[in-house]
Amino acid sequence: ANWFGADQPDYVRRRVAVAQFAAKAGLPLNMDSWDGYPAARDR
């Protein structure tokens, strides 16, 4: 949350905040990888 600097545009700050909420919910960093398809990876 503190890696991107305070001078980032609003949309970047929103994305960082949402990513933090996602991690707390147990969701992964990258939904375009196998992390976005957990059932397929399990198989």
PDB file of all heavy atoms in Angstrom:
ATOM      1  N   ALA A   1       0.825  -1.214   0.000  1.00  0.00           N
ATOM      2  CA  ALA A   1       0.000   0.000   0.000  1.00  0.00           C
ATOM      3  C   ALA A   1       0.854   1.256   0.000  1.00  0.00           C
ATOM      4  O   ALA A   1       0.405   2.319  -0.465  1.00  0.00           O
ATOM      5  CB  ALA A   1      -0.930  -0.005   1.210  1.00  0.00           C
ATOM      6  N   ASN A   2       2.092   1.146   0.474  1.00  0.00           N
ATOM      7  CA  ASN A   2       2.980   2.305   0.566  1.00  0.00           C
ATOM      8  C   ASN A   2       4.073   2.306  -0.497  1.00  0.00           C
ATOM      9  O   ASN A   2       5.003   3.097  -0.416  1.00  0.00           O
ATOM     10  CB  ASN A   2       3.625   2.343   1.962  1.00  0.00           C
ATOM     11  CG  ASN A   2       2.593   2.410   3.070  1.00  0.00           C
ATOM     12  OD1 ASN A   2       1.645   3.186   2.983  1.00  0.00           O
ATOM     13  ND2 ASN A   2       2.768   1.593   4.097  1.00  0.00           N
ATOM     14  N   TRP A   3       3.964   1.428  -1.483  1.00  0.00           N
ATOM     15  CA  TRP A   3       5.024   1.303  -2.476  1.00  0.00           C
ATOM     16  C   TRP A   3       4.884   2.285  -3.641  1.00  0.00           C
ATOM     17  O   TRP A   3       5.834   2.465  -4.407  1.00  0.00           O
ATOM     18  CB  TRP A   3       5.032  -0.111  -3.051  1.00  0.00           C
ATOM     19  CG  TRP A   3       5.554  -1.157  -2.099  1.00  0.00           C
ATOM     20  CD1 TRP A   3       6.046  -0.961  -0.844  1.00  0.00           C
ATOM     21  CD2 TRP A   3       5.613  -2.557  -2.348  1.00  0.00           C
ATOM     22  NE1 TRP A   3       6.412  -2.147  -0.275  1.00  0.00           N
ATOM     23  CE2 TRP A   3       6.154  -3.161  -1.194  1.00  0.00           C
ATOM     24  CE3 TRP A   3       5.255  -3.377  -3.416  1.00  0.00           C
ATOM     25  CZ2 TRP A   3       6.351  -4.534  -1.089  1.00  0.00           C
ATOM     26  CZ3 TRP A   3       5.453  -4.740  -3.307  1.00  0.00           C
ATOM     27  CH2 TRP A   3       6.002  -5.311  -2.161  1.00  0.00           C
ATOM     28  N   PHE A   4       3.730   2.888  -3.824  1.00  0.00           N
ATOM     29  CA  PHE A   4       3.460   3.602  -5.066  1.00  0.00           C
ATOM     30  C   PHE A   4       3.594   5.109  -4.939  1.00  0.00           C
ATOM     31  O   PHE A   4       3.403   5.830  -5.909  1.00  0.00           O
ATOM     32  CB  PHE A   4       2.059   3.232  -5.566  1.00  0.00           C
ATOM     33  CG  PHE A   4       1.927   1.770  -5.907  1.00  0.00           C
ATOM     34  CD1 PHE A   4       1.544   0.858  -4.935  1.00  0.00           C
ATOM     35  CD2 PHE A   4       2.216   1.307  -7.174  1.00  0.00           C
ATOM     36  CE1 PHE A   4       1.438  -0.492  -5.236  1.00  0.00           C
ATOM     37  CE2 PHE A   4       2.111  -0.036  -7.477  1.00  0.00           C
ATOM     38  CZ  PHE A   4       1.721  -0.949  -6.511  1.00  0.00           C
ATOM     39  N   GLY A   5       3.931   5.600  -3.758  1.00  0.00           N
ATOM     40  CA  GLY A   5       4.145   7.026  -3.598  1.00  0.00           C
ATOM     41  C   GLY A   5       2.847   7.793  -3.417  1.00  0.00           C
ATOM     42  O   GLY A   5       1.771   7.373  -3.854  1.00  0.00           O
ATOM     43  N   ALA A   6       2.955   8.971  -2.773  1.00  0.00           N
ATOM     44  CA  ALA A   6       1.760   9.765  -2.455  1.00  0.00           C
ATOM     45  C   ALA A   6       1.281  10.612  -3.612  1.00  0.00           C
ATOM     46  O   ALA A   6       0.172  11.157  -3.570  1.00  0.00           O
ATOM     47  CB  ALA A   6       2.066  10.657  -1.252  1.00  0.00           C
ATOM     48  N   ASP A   7       2.093  10.740  -4.664  1.00  0.00           N
ATOM     49  CA  ASP A   7       1.732  11.640  -5.762  1.00  0.00           C
ATOM     50  C   ASP A   7       1.042  10.915  -6.915  1.00  0.00           C
ATOM     51  O   ASP A   7       0.980  11.419  -8.036  1.00  0.00           O
ATOM     52  CB  ASP A   7       2.984  12.351  -6.280  1.00  0.00           C
ATOM     53  CG  ASP A   7       4.052  11.367  -6.755  1.00  0.00           C
ATOM     54  OD1 ASP A   7       3.942  10.170  -6.431  1.00  0.00           O
ATOM     55  OD2 ASP A   7       4.987  11.812  -7.445  1.00  0.00           O
ATOM     56  N   GLN A   8       0.519   9.707  -6.665  1.00  0.00           N
ATOM     57  CA  GLN A   8      -0.144   8.954  -7.715  1.00  0.00           C
ATOM     58  C   GLN A   8      -1.525   9.536  -8.010  1.00  0.00           C
ATOM     59  O   GLN A   8      -2.178  10.094  -7.128  1.00  0.00           O
ATOM     60  CB  GLN A   8      -0.288   7.480  -7.304  1.00  0.00           C
ATOM     61  CG  GLN A   8       1.033   6.765  -7.088  1.00  0.00           C
ATOM     62  CD  GLN A   8       1.839   6.670  -8.370  1.00  0.00           C
ATOM     63  OE1 GLN A   8       1.283   6.512  -9.453  1.00  0.00           O
ATOM     64  NE2 GLN A   8       3.150   6.785  -8.250  1.00  0.00           N
ATOM     65  N   PRO A   9      -1.996   9.397  -9.239  1.00  0.00           N
ATOM     66  CA  PRO A   9      -3.352   9.870  -9.558  1.00  0.00           C
ATOM     67  C   PRO A   9      -4.404   9.084  -8.790  1.00  0.00           C
ATOM     68  O   PRO A   9      -4.145   7.987  -8.282  1.00  0.00           O
ATOM     69  CB  PRO A   9      -3.468   9.639 -11.069  1.00  0.00           C
ATOM     70  CG  PRO A   9      -2.382   8.675 -11.409  1.00  0.00           C
ATOM     71  CD  PRO A   9      -1.292   8.869 -10.427  1.00  0.00           C
ATOM     72  N   ASP A  10      -5.601   9.639  -8.752  1.00  0.00           N
ATOM     73  CA  ASP A  10      -6.671   9.035  -7.953  1.00  0.00           C
ATOM     74  C   ASP A  10      -6.958   7.594  -8.359  1.00  0.00           C
ATOM     75  O   ASP A  10      -7.203   6.737  -7.506  1.00  0.00           O
ATOM     76  CB  ASP A  10      -7.951   9.868  -8.081  1.00  0.00           C
ATOM     77  CG  ASP A  10      -7.860  11.186  -7.328  1.00  0.00           C
ATOM     78  OD1 ASP A  10      -6.950  11.316  -6.482  1.00  0.00           O
ATOM     79  OD2 ASP A  10      -8.689  12.089  -7.590  1.00  0.00           O
ATOM     80  N   TYR A  11      -6.954   7.302  -9.666  1.00  0.00           N
ATOM     81  CA  TYR A  11      -7.322   5.953 -10.095  1.00  0.00           C
ATOM     82  C   TYR A  11      -6.306   4.921  -9.606  1.00  0.00           C
ATOM     83  O   TYR A  11      -6.666   3.783  -9.296  1.00  0.00           O
ATOM     84  CB  TYR A  11      -7.500   5.890 -11.611  1.00  0.00           C
ATOM     85  CG  TYR A  11      -6.222   5.824 -12.419  1.00  0.00           C
ATOM     86  CD1 TYR A  11      -5.644   4.609 -12.755  1.00  0.00           C
ATOM     87  CD2 TYR A  11      -5.595   6.994 -12.853  1.00  0.00           C
ATOM     88  CE1 TYR A  11      -4.473   4.549 -13.491  1.00  0.00           C
ATOM     89  CE2 TYR A  11      -4.432   6.941 -13.594  1.00  0.00           C
ATOM     90  CZ  TYR A  11      -3.869   5.712 -13.908  1.00  0.00           C
ATOM     91  OH  TYR A  11      -2.706   5.654 -14.640  1.00  0.00           O
ATOM     92  N   VAL A  12      -5.022   5.326  -9.509  1.00  0.00           N
ATOM     93  CA  VAL A  12      -4.008   4.408  -8.992  1.00  0.00           C
ATOM     94  C   VAL A  12      -4.235   4.164  -7.505  1.00  0.00           C
ATOM     95  O   VAL A  12      -4.177   3.023  -7.024  1.00  0.00           O
ATOM     96  CB  VAL A  12      -2.589   4.957  -9.250  1.00  0.00           C
ATOM     97  CG1 VAL A  12      -1.546   4.098  -8.541  1.00  0.00           C
ATOM     98  CG2 VAL A  12      -2.311   5.013 -10.746  1.00  0.00           C
ATOM     99  N   ARG A  13      -4.519   5.229  -6.771  1.00  0.00           N
ATOM    100  CA  ARG A  13      -4.764   5.062  -5.338  1.00  0.00           C
ATOM    101  C   ARG A  13      -5.990   4.181  -5.092  1.00  0.00           C
ATOM    102  O   ARG A  13      -6.007   3.354  -4.174  1.00  0.00           O
ATOM    103  CB  ARG A  13      -4.940   6.432  -4.681  1.00  0.00           C
ATOM    104  CG  ARG A  13      -3.639   7.234  -4.595  1.00  0.00           C
ATOM    105  CD  ARG A  13      -3.728   8.305  -3.526  1.00  0.00           C
ATOM    106  NE  ARG A  13      -4.736   9.330  -3.875  1.00  0.00           N
ATOM    107  CZ  ARG A  13      -4.438  10.423  -4.579  1.00  0.00           C
ATOM    108  NH1 ARG A  13      -3.192  10.617  -5.018  1.00  0.00           N
ATOM    109  NH2 ARG A  13      -5.373  11.321  -4.848  1.00  0.00           N
ATOM    110  N   ARG A  14      -7.015   4.327  -5.943  1.00  0.00           N
ATOM    111  CA  ARG A  14      -8.202   3.478  -5.791  1.00  0.00           C
ATOM    112  C   ARG A  14      -7.859   2.010  -6.052  1.00  0.00           C
ATOM    113  O   ARG A  14      -8.317   1.123  -5.326  1.00  0.00           O
ATOM    114  CB  ARG A  14      -9.308   3.943  -6.744  1.00  0.00           C
ATOM    115  CG  ARG A  14     -10.025   5.218  -6.294  1.00  0.00           C
ATOM    116  CD  ARG A  14     -11.321   5.405  -7.062  1.00  0.00           C
ATOM    117  NE  ARG A  14     -11.089   5.560  -8.496  1.00  0.00           N
ATOM    118  CZ  ARG A  14     -10.891   6.727  -9.086  1.00  0.00           C
ATOM    119  NH1 ARG A  14     -10.862   7.849  -8.374  1.00  0.00           N
ATOM    120  NH2 ARG A  14     -10.714   6.798 -10.393  1.00  0.00           N
ATOM    121  N   ARG A  15      -7.060   1.753  -7.092  1.00  0.00           N
ATOM    122  CA  ARG A  15      -6.679   0.378  -7.395  1.00  0.00           C
ATOM    123  C   ARG A  15      -5.867  -0.240  -6.265  1.00  0.00           C
ATOM    124  O   ARG A  15      -6.046  -1.408  -5.920  1.00  0.00           O
ATOM    125  CB  ARG A  15      -5.884   0.327  -8.702  1.00  0.00           C
ATOM    126  CG  ARG A  15      -6.725   0.563  -9.943  1.00  0.00           C
ATOM    127  CD  ARG A  15      -5.877   0.468 -11.196  1.00  0.00           C
ATOM    128  NE  ARG A  15      -6.665   0.727 -12.387  1.00  0.00           N
ATOM    129  CZ  ARG A  15      -6.156   0.759 -13.616  1.00  0.00           C
ATOM    130  NH1 ARG A  15      -4.861   0.541 -13.803  1.00  0.00           N
ATOM    131  NH2 ARG A  15      -6.936   0.998 -14.657  1.00  0.00           N
ATOM    132  N   VAL A  16      -4.965   0.531  -5.690  1.00  0.00           N
ATOM    133  CA  VAL A  16      -4.155   0.036  -4.575  1.00  0.00           C
ATOM    134  C   VAL A  16      -5.054  -0.297  -3.392  1.00  0.00           C
ATOM    135  O   VAL A  16      -4.904  -1.350  -2.747  1.00  0.00           O
ATOM    136  CB  VAL A  16      -3.080   1.071  -4.183  1.00  0.00           C
ATOM    137  CG1 VAL A  16      -2.390   0.661  -2.885  1.00  0.00           C
ATOM    138  CG2 VAL A  16      -2.054   1.236  -5.304  1.00  0.00           C
ATOM    139  N   ALA A  17      -6.005   0.563  -3.109  1.00  0.00           N
ATOM    140  CA  ALA A  17      -6.914   0.321  -1.986  1.00  0.00           C
ATOM    141  C   ALA A  17      -7.755  -0.925  -2.217  1.00  0.00           C
ATOM    142  O   ALA A  17      -7.933  -1.751  -1.307  1.00  0.00           O
ATOM    143  CB  ALA A  17      -7.809   1.541  -1.768  1.00  0.00           C
ATOM    144  N   VAL A  18      -8.278  -1.090  -3.433  1.00  0.00           N
ATOM    145  CA  VAL A  18      -9.085  -2.271  -3.744  1.00  0.00           C
ATOM    146  C   VAL A  18      -8.243  -3.539  -3.648  1.00  0.00           C
ATOM    147  O   VAL A  18      -8.708  -4.577  -3.154  1.00  0.00           O
ATOM    148  CB  VAL A  18      -9.720  -2.133  -5.140  1.00  0.00           C
ATOM    149  CG1 VAL A  18     -10.359  -3.456  -5.576  1.00  0.00           C
ATOM    150  CG2 VAL A  18     -10.766  -1.030  -5.146  1.00  0.00           C
ATOM    151  N   ALA A  19      -6.990  -3.481  -4.111  1.00  0.00           N
ATOM    152  CA  ALA A  19      -6.101  -4.646  -4.019  1.00  0.00           C
ATOM    153  C   ALA A  19      -5.884  -5.056  -2.572  1.00  0.00           C
ATOM    154  O   ALA A  19      -5.815  -6.254  -2.255  1.00  0.00           O
ATOM    155  CB  ALA A  19      -4.766  -4.339  -4.691  1.00  0.00           C
ATOM    156  N   GLN A  20      -5.798  -4.084  -1.680  1.00  0.00           N
ATOM    157  CA  GLN A  20      -5.637  -4.402  -0.260  1.00  0.00           C
ATOM    158  C   GLN A  20      -6.895  -5.076   0.288  1.00  0.00           C
ATOM    159  O   GLN A  20      -6.816  -6.070   1.030  1.00  0.00           O
ATOM    160  CB  GLN A  20      -5.326  -3.131   0.526  1.00  0.00           C
ATOM    161  CG  GLN A  20      -3.995  -2.486   0.193  1.00  0.00           C
ATOM    162  CD  GLN A  20      -2.813  -3.363   0.564  1.00  0.00           C
ATOM    163  OE1 GLN A  20      -2.817  -4.025   1.599  1.00  0.00           O
ATOM    164  NE2 GLN A  20      -1.797  -3.379  -0.293  1.00  0.00           N
ATOM    165  N   PHE A  21      -8.051  -4.567  -0.072  1.00  0.00           N
ATOM    166  CA  PHE A  21      -9.309  -5.206   0.348  1.00  0.00           C
ATOM    167  C   PHE A  21      -9.390  -6.633  -0.201  1.00  0.00           C
ATOM    168  O   PHE A  21      -9.832  -7.558   0.494  1.00  0.00           O
ATOM    169  CB  PHE A  21     -10.507  -4.392  -0.144  1.00  0.00           C
ATOM    170  CG  PHE A  21     -10.820  -3.179   0.681  1.00  0.00           C
ATOM    171  CD1 PHE A  21     -10.902  -1.931   0.082  1.00  0.00           C
ATOM    172  CD2 PHE A  21     -11.031  -3.278   2.052  1.00  0.00           C
ATOM    173  CE1 PHE A  21     -11.192  -0.795   0.834  1.00  0.00           C
ATOM    174  CE2 PHE A  21     -11.328  -2.148   2.813  1.00  0.00           C
ATOM    175  CZ  PHE A  21     -11.411  -0.914   2.209  1.00  0.00           C
ATOM    176  N   ALA A  22      -8.973  -6.812  -1.460  1.00  0.00           N
ATOM    177  CA  ALA A  22      -9.034  -8.137  -2.077  1.00  0.00           C
ATOM    178  C   ALA A  22      -8.147  -9.130  -1.337  1.00  0.00           C
ATOM    179  O   ALA A  22      -8.542 -10.282  -1.101  1.00  0.00           O
ATOM    180  CB  ALA A  22      -8.632  -8.041  -3.542  1.00  0.00           C
ATOM    181  N   ALA A  23      -6.941  -8.692  -0.992  1.00  0.00           N
ATOM    182  CA  ALA A  23      -6.029  -9.580  -0.277  1.00  0.00           C
ATOM    183  C   ALA A  23      -6.618  -9.991   1.065  1.00  0.00           C
ATOM    184  O   ALA A  23      -6.514 -11.165   1.475  1.00  0.00           O
ATOM    185  CB  ALA A  23      -4.671  -8.897  -0.091  1.00  0.00           C
ATOM    186  N   LYS A  24      -7.250  -9.062   1.760  1.00  0.00           N
ATOM    187  CA  LYS A  24      -7.861  -9.391   3.046  1.00  0.00           C
ATOM    188  C   LYS A  24      -9.019 -10.369   2.884  1.00  0.00           C
ATOM    189  O   LYS A  24      -9.325 -11.150   3.794  1.00  0.00           O
ATOM    190  CB  LYS A  24      -8.336  -8.111   3.728  1.00  0.00           C
ATOM    191  CG  LYS A  24      -7.199  -7.221   4.211  1.00  0.00           C
ATOM    192  CD  LYS A  24      -7.719  -5.912   4.795  1.00  0.00           C
ATOM    193  CE  LYS A  24      -6.555  -5.004   5.212  1.00  0.00           C
ATOM    194  NZ  LYS A  24      -7.024  -3.690   5.713  1.00  0.00           N
ATOM    195  N   ALA A  25      -9.660 -10.344   1.721  1.00  0.00           N
ATOM    196  CA  ALA A  25     -10.741 -11.291   1.442  1.00  0.00           C
ATOM    197  C   ALA A  25     -10.228 -12.638   0.958  1.00  0.00           C
ATOM    198  O   ALA A  25     -11.022 -13.549   0.708  1.00  0.00           O
ATOM    199  CB  ALA A  25     -11.683 -10.696   0.397  1.00  0.00           C
ATOM    200  N   GLY A  26      -8.892 -12.782   0.804  1.00  0.00           N
ATOM    201  CA  GLY A  26      -8.307 -14.036   0.332  1.00  0.00           C
ATOM    202  C   GLY A  26      -8.217 -14.146  -1.167  1.00  0.00           C
ATOM    203  O   GLY A  26      -7.983 -15.237  -1.699  1.00  0.00           O
ATOM    204  N   LEU A  27      -8.368 -13.026  -1.869  1.00  0.00           N
ATOM    205  CA  LEU A  27      -8.274 -13.024  -3.325  1.00  0.00           C
ATOM    206  C   LEU A  27      -6.844 -12.726  -3.764  1.00  0.00           C
ATOM    207  O   LEU A  27      -6.133 -11.959  -3.114  1.00  0.00           O
ATOM    208  CB  LEU A  27      -9.230 -11.990  -3.919  1.00  0.00           C
ATOM    209  CG  LEU A  27     -10.722 -12.288  -3.712  1.00  0.00           C
ATOM    210  CD1 LEU A  27     -11.564 -11.093  -4.141  1.00  0.00           C
ATOM    211  CD2 LEU A  27     -11.134 -13.538  -4.489  1.00  0.00           C
ATOM    212  N   PRO A  28      -6.416 -13.298  -4.896  1.00  0.00           N
ATOM    213  CA  PRO A  28      -5.016 -13.181  -5.319  1.00  0.00           C
ATOM    214  C   PRO A  28      -4.708 -11.862  -6.003  1.00  0.00           C
ATOM    215  O   PRO A  28      -5.590 -11.053  -6.300  1.00  0.00           O
ATOM    216  CB  PRO A  28      -4.857 -14.352  -6.284  1.00  0.00           C
ATOM    217  CG  PRO A  28      -6.211 -14.491  -6.892  1.00  0.00           C
ATOM    218  CD  PRO A  28      -7.187 -14.170  -5.793  1.00  0.00           C
ATOM    219  N   LEU A  29      -3.432 -11.694  -6.309  1.00  0.00           N
ATOM    220  CA  LEU A  29      -2.931 -10.468  -6.916  1.00  0.00           C
ATOM    221  C   LEU A  29      -3.313 -10.343  -8.386  1.00  0.00           C
ATOM    222  O   LEU A  29      -3.622  -9.264  -8.858  1.00  0.00           O
ATOM    223  CB  LEU A  29      -1.405 -10.441  -6.741  1.00  0.00           C
ATOM    224  CG  LEU A  29      -0.599  -9.224  -7.169  1.00  0.00           C
ATOM    225  CD1 LEU A  29       0.673  -9.140  -6.345  1.00  0.00           C
ATOM    226  CD2 LEU A  29      -0.245  -9.263  -8.650  1.00  0.00           C
ATOM    227  N   ASN A  30      -3.295 -11.455  -9.134  1.00  0.00           N
ATOM    228  CA  ASN A  30      -3.442 -11.387 -10.596  1.00  0.00           C
ATOM    229  C   ASN A  30      -4.507 -12.366 -11.075  1.00  0.00           C
ATOM    230  O   ASN A  30      -4.276 -13.572 -11.121  1.00  0.00           O
ATOM    231  CB  ASN A  30      -2.100 -11.699 -11.262  1.00  0.00           C
ATOM    232  CG  ASN A  30      -2.176 -11.624 -12.782  1.00  0.00           C
ATOM    233  OD1 ASN A  30      -3.139 -11.123 -13.348  1.00  0.00           O
ATOM    234  ND2 ASN A  30      -1.142 -12.133 -13.449  1.00  0.00           N
ATOM    235  N   MET A  31      -5.657 -11.852 -11.474  1.00  0.00           N
ATOM    236  CA  MET A  31      -6.759 -12.691 -11.934  1.00  0.00           C
ATOM    237  C   MET A  31      -6.568 -13.201 -13.362  1.00  0.00           C
ATOM    238  O   MET A  31      -7.351 -14.032 -13.829  1.00  0.00           O
ATOM    239  CB  MET A  31      -8.076 -11.910 -11.841  1.00  0.00           C
ATOM    240  CG  MET A  31      -8.525 -11.623 -10.427  1.00  0.00           C
ATOM    241  SD  MET A  31      -9.079 -13.128  -9.585  1.00  0.00           S
ATOM    242  CE  MET A  31      -9.906 -12.382  -8.169  1.00  0.00           C
ATOM    243  N   ASP A  32      -5.555 -12.705 -14.085  1.00  0.00           N
ATOM    244  CA  ASP A  32      -5.287 -13.164 -15.444  1.00  0.00           C
ATOM    245  C   ASP A  32      -4.426 -14.422 -15.457  1.00  0.00           C
ATOM    246  O   ASP A  32      -4.275 -15.068 -16.487  1.00  0.00           O
ATOM    247  CB  ASP A  32      -4.607 -12.050 -16.244  1.00  0.00           C
ATOM    248  CG  ASP A  32      -4.479 -12.374 -17.719  1.00  0.00           C
ATOM    249  OD1 ASP A  32      -5.517 -12.642 -18.357  1.00  0.00           O
ATOM    250  OD2 ASP A  32      -3.344 -12.385 -18.236  1.00  0.00           O
ATOM    251  N   SER A  33      -3.856 -14.784 -14.302  1.00  0.00           N
ATOM    252  CA  SER A  33      -3.054 -15.998 -14.181  1.00  0.00           C
ATOM    253  C   SER A  33      -3.942 -17.158 -13.736  1.00  0.00           C
ATOM    254  O   SER A  33      -5.165 -17.026 -13.641  1.00  0.00           O
ATOM    255  CB  SER A  33      -1.926 -15.764 -13.174  1.00  0.00           C
ATOM    256  OG  SER A  33      -2.466 -15.675 -11.860  1.00  0.00           O
ATOM    257  N   TRP A  34      -3.337 -18.306 -13.418  1.00  0.00           N
ATOM    258  CA  TRP A  34      -4.108 -19.438 -12.894  1.00  0.00           C
ATOM    259  C   TRP A  34      -4.838 -19.055 -11.608  1.00  0.00           C
ATOM    260  O   TRP A  34      -5.844 -19.684 -11.249  1.00  0.00           O
ATOM    261  CB  TRP A  34      -3.190 -20.631 -12.648  1.00  0.00           C
ATOM    262  CG  TRP A  34      -2.825 -21.403 -13.880  1.00  0.00           C
ATOM    263  CD1 TRP A  34      -1.742 -21.202 -14.686  1.00  0.00           C
ATOM    264  CD2 TRP A  34      -3.539 -22.505 -14.449  1.00  0.00           C
ATOM    265  NE1 TRP A  34      -1.736 -22.105 -15.720  1.00  0.00           N
ATOM    266  CE2 TRP A  34      -2.833 -22.927 -15.599  1.00  0.00           C
ATOM    267  CE3 TRP A  34      -4.712 -23.178 -14.096  1.00  0.00           C
ATOM    268  CZ2 TRP A  34      -3.255 -23.983 -16.392  1.00  0.00           C
ATOM    269  CZ3 TRP A  34      -5.131 -24.249 -14.889  1.00  0.00           C
ATOM    270  CH2 TRP A  34      -4.409 -24.640 -16.023  1.00  0.00           C
ATOM    271  N   ASP A  35      -4.347 -18.047 -10.893  1.00  0.00           N
ATOM    272  CA  ASP A  35      -5.031 -17.586  -9.690  1.00  0.00           C
ATOM    273  C   ASP A  35      -6.464 -17.140  -9.970  1.00  0.00           C
ATOM    274  O   ASP A  35      -7.304 -17.134  -9.067  1.00  0.00           O
ATOM    275  CB  ASP A  35      -4.259 -16.427  -9.047  1.00  0.00           C
ATOM    276  CG  ASP A  35      -3.296 -16.892  -7.965  1.00  0.00           C
ATOM    277  OD1 ASP A  35      -3.479 -18.011  -7.441  1.00  0.00           O
ATOM    278  OD2 ASP A  35      -2.368 -16.136  -7.643  1.00  0.00           O
ATOM    279  N   GLY A  36      -6.753 -16.727 -11.191  1.00  0.00           N
ATOM    280  CA  GLY A  36      -8.104 -16.322 -11.550  1.00  0.00           C
ATOM    281  C   GLY A  36      -9.003 -17.477 -11.932  1.00  0.00           C
ATOM    282  O   GLY A  36     -10.199 -17.283 -12.191  1.00  0.00           O
ATOM    283  N   TYR A  37      -8.445 -18.692 -11.950  1.00  0.00           N
ATOM    284  CA  TYR A  37      -9.167 -19.898 -12.357  1.00  0.00           C
ATOM    285  C   TYR A  37      -8.851 -21.031 -11.379  1.00  0.00           C
ATOM    286  O   TYR A  37      -8.285 -22.065 -11.755  1.00  0.00           O
ATOM    287  CB  TYR A  37      -8.781 -20.285 -13.791  1.00  0.00           C
ATOM    288  CG  TYR A  37      -9.032 -19.173 -14.783  1.00  0.00           C
ATOM    289  CD1 TYR A  37      -8.111 -18.133 -14.950  1.00  0.00           C
ATOM    290  CD2 TYR A  37     -10.206 -19.119 -15.522  1.00  0.00           C
ATOM    291  CE1 TYR A  37      -8.345 -17.086 -15.822  1.00  0.00           C
ATOM    292  CE2 TYR A  37     -10.450 -18.079 -16.407  1.00  0.00           C
ATOM    293  CZ  TYR A  37      -9.512 -17.068 -16.556  1.00  0.00           C
ATOM    294  OH  TYR A  37      -9.756 -16.025 -17.424  1.00  0.00           O
ATOM    295  N   PRO A  38      -9.173 -20.848 -10.095  1.00  0.00           N
ATOM    296  CA  PRO A  38      -8.727 -21.806  -9.075  1.00  0.00           C
ATOM    297  C   PRO A  38      -9.283 -23.212  -9.270  1.00  0.00           C
ATOM    298  O   PRO A  38      -8.584 -24.196  -8.987  1.00  0.00           O
ATOM    299  CB  PRO A  38      -9.215 -21.179  -7.766  1.00  0.00           C
ATOM    300  CG  PRO A  38     -10.334 -20.268  -8.160  1.00  0.00           C
ATOM    301  CD  PRO A  38      -9.957 -19.732  -9.504  1.00  0.00           C
ATOM    302  N   ALA A  39     -10.513 -23.351  -9.756  1.00  0.00           N
ATOM    303  CA  ALA A  39     -11.063 -24.688  -9.953  1.00  0.00           C
ATOM    304  C   ALA A  39     -10.321 -25.424 -11.065  1.00  0.00           C
ATOM    305  O   ALA A  39     -10.046 -26.632 -10.953  1.00  0.00           O
ATOM    306  CB  ALA A  39     -12.557 -24.606 -10.263  1.00  0.00           C
ATOM    307  N   ALA A  40      -9.988 -24.721 -12.139  1.00  0.00           N
ATOM    308  CA  ALA A  40      -9.232 -25.334 -13.230  1.00  0.00           C
ATOM    309  C   ALA A  40      -7.841 -25.750 -12.751  1.00  0.00           C
ATOM    310  O   ALA A  40      -7.343 -26.824 -13.118  1.00  0.00           O
ATOM    311  CB  ALA A  40      -9.124 -24.362 -14.399  1.00  0.00           C
ATOM    312  N   ARG A  41      -7.206 -24.917 -11.936  1.00  0.00           N
ATOM    313  CA  ARG A  41      -5.892 -25.281 -11.379  1.00  0.00           C
ATOM    314  C   ARG A  41      -6.014 -26.488 -10.468  1.00  0.00           C
ATOM    315  O   ARG A  41      -5.152 -27.389 -10.501  1.00  0.00           O
ATOM    316  CB  ARG A  41      -5.300 -24.090 -10.637  1.00  0.00           C
ATOM    317  CG  ARG A  41      -3.948 -24.381  -9.992  1.00  0.00           C
ATOM    318  CD  ARG A  41      -3.357 -23.122  -9.373  1.00  0.00           C
ATOM    319  NE  ARG A  41      -4.273 -22.508  -8.420  1.00  0.00           N
ATOM    320  CZ  ARG A  41      -4.150 -21.258  -7.975  1.00  0.00           C
ATOM    321  NH1 ARG A  41      -3.150 -20.495  -8.408  1.00  0.00           N
ATOM    322  NH2 ARG A  41      -5.005 -20.764  -7.112  1.00  0.00           N
ATOM    323  N   ASP A  42      -7.046 -26.525  -9.644  1.00  0.00           N
ATOM    324  CA  ASP A  42      -7.247 -27.685  -8.771  1.00  0.00           C
ATOM    325  C   ASP A  42      -7.355 -28.965  -9.584  1.00  0.00           C
ATOM    326  O   ASP A  42      -6.783 -30.007  -9.212  1.00  0.00           O
ATOM    327  CB  ASP A  42      -8.516 -27.508  -7.928  1.00  0.00           C
ATOM    328  CG  ASP A  42      -8.353 -26.496  -6.811  1.00  0.00           C
ATOM    329  OD1 ASP A  42      -7.202 -26.110  -6.517  1.00  0.00           O
ATOM    330  OD2 ASP A  42      -9.378 -26.078  -6.235  1.00  0.00           O
ATOM    331  N   ARG A  43      -8.083 -28.925 -10.693  1.00  0.00           N
ATOM    332  CA  ARG A  43      -8.229 -30.127 -11.524  1.00  0.00           C
ATOM    333  C   ARG A  43      -6.894 -30.575 -12.081  1.00  0.00           C
ATOM    334  O   ARG A  43      -6.587 -31.774 -12.113  1.00  0.00           O
ATOM    335  CB  ARG A  43      -9.225 -29.860 -12.659  1.00  0.00           C
ATOM    336  CG  ARG A  43     -10.661 -29.678 -12.201  1.00  0.00           C
ATOM    337  CD  ARG A  43     -11.640 -29.727 -13.356  1.00  0.00           C
ATOM    338  NE  ARG A  43     -11.519 -28.608 -14.275  1.00  0.00           N
ATOM    339  CZ  ARG A  43     -12.180 -27.456 -14.159  1.00  0.00           C
ATOM    340  NH1 ARG A  43     -12.982 -27.257 -13.118  1.00  0.00           N
ATOM    341  NH2 ARG A  43     -12.050 -26.488 -15.063  1.00  0.00           N
TER     342      ARG A  43
END
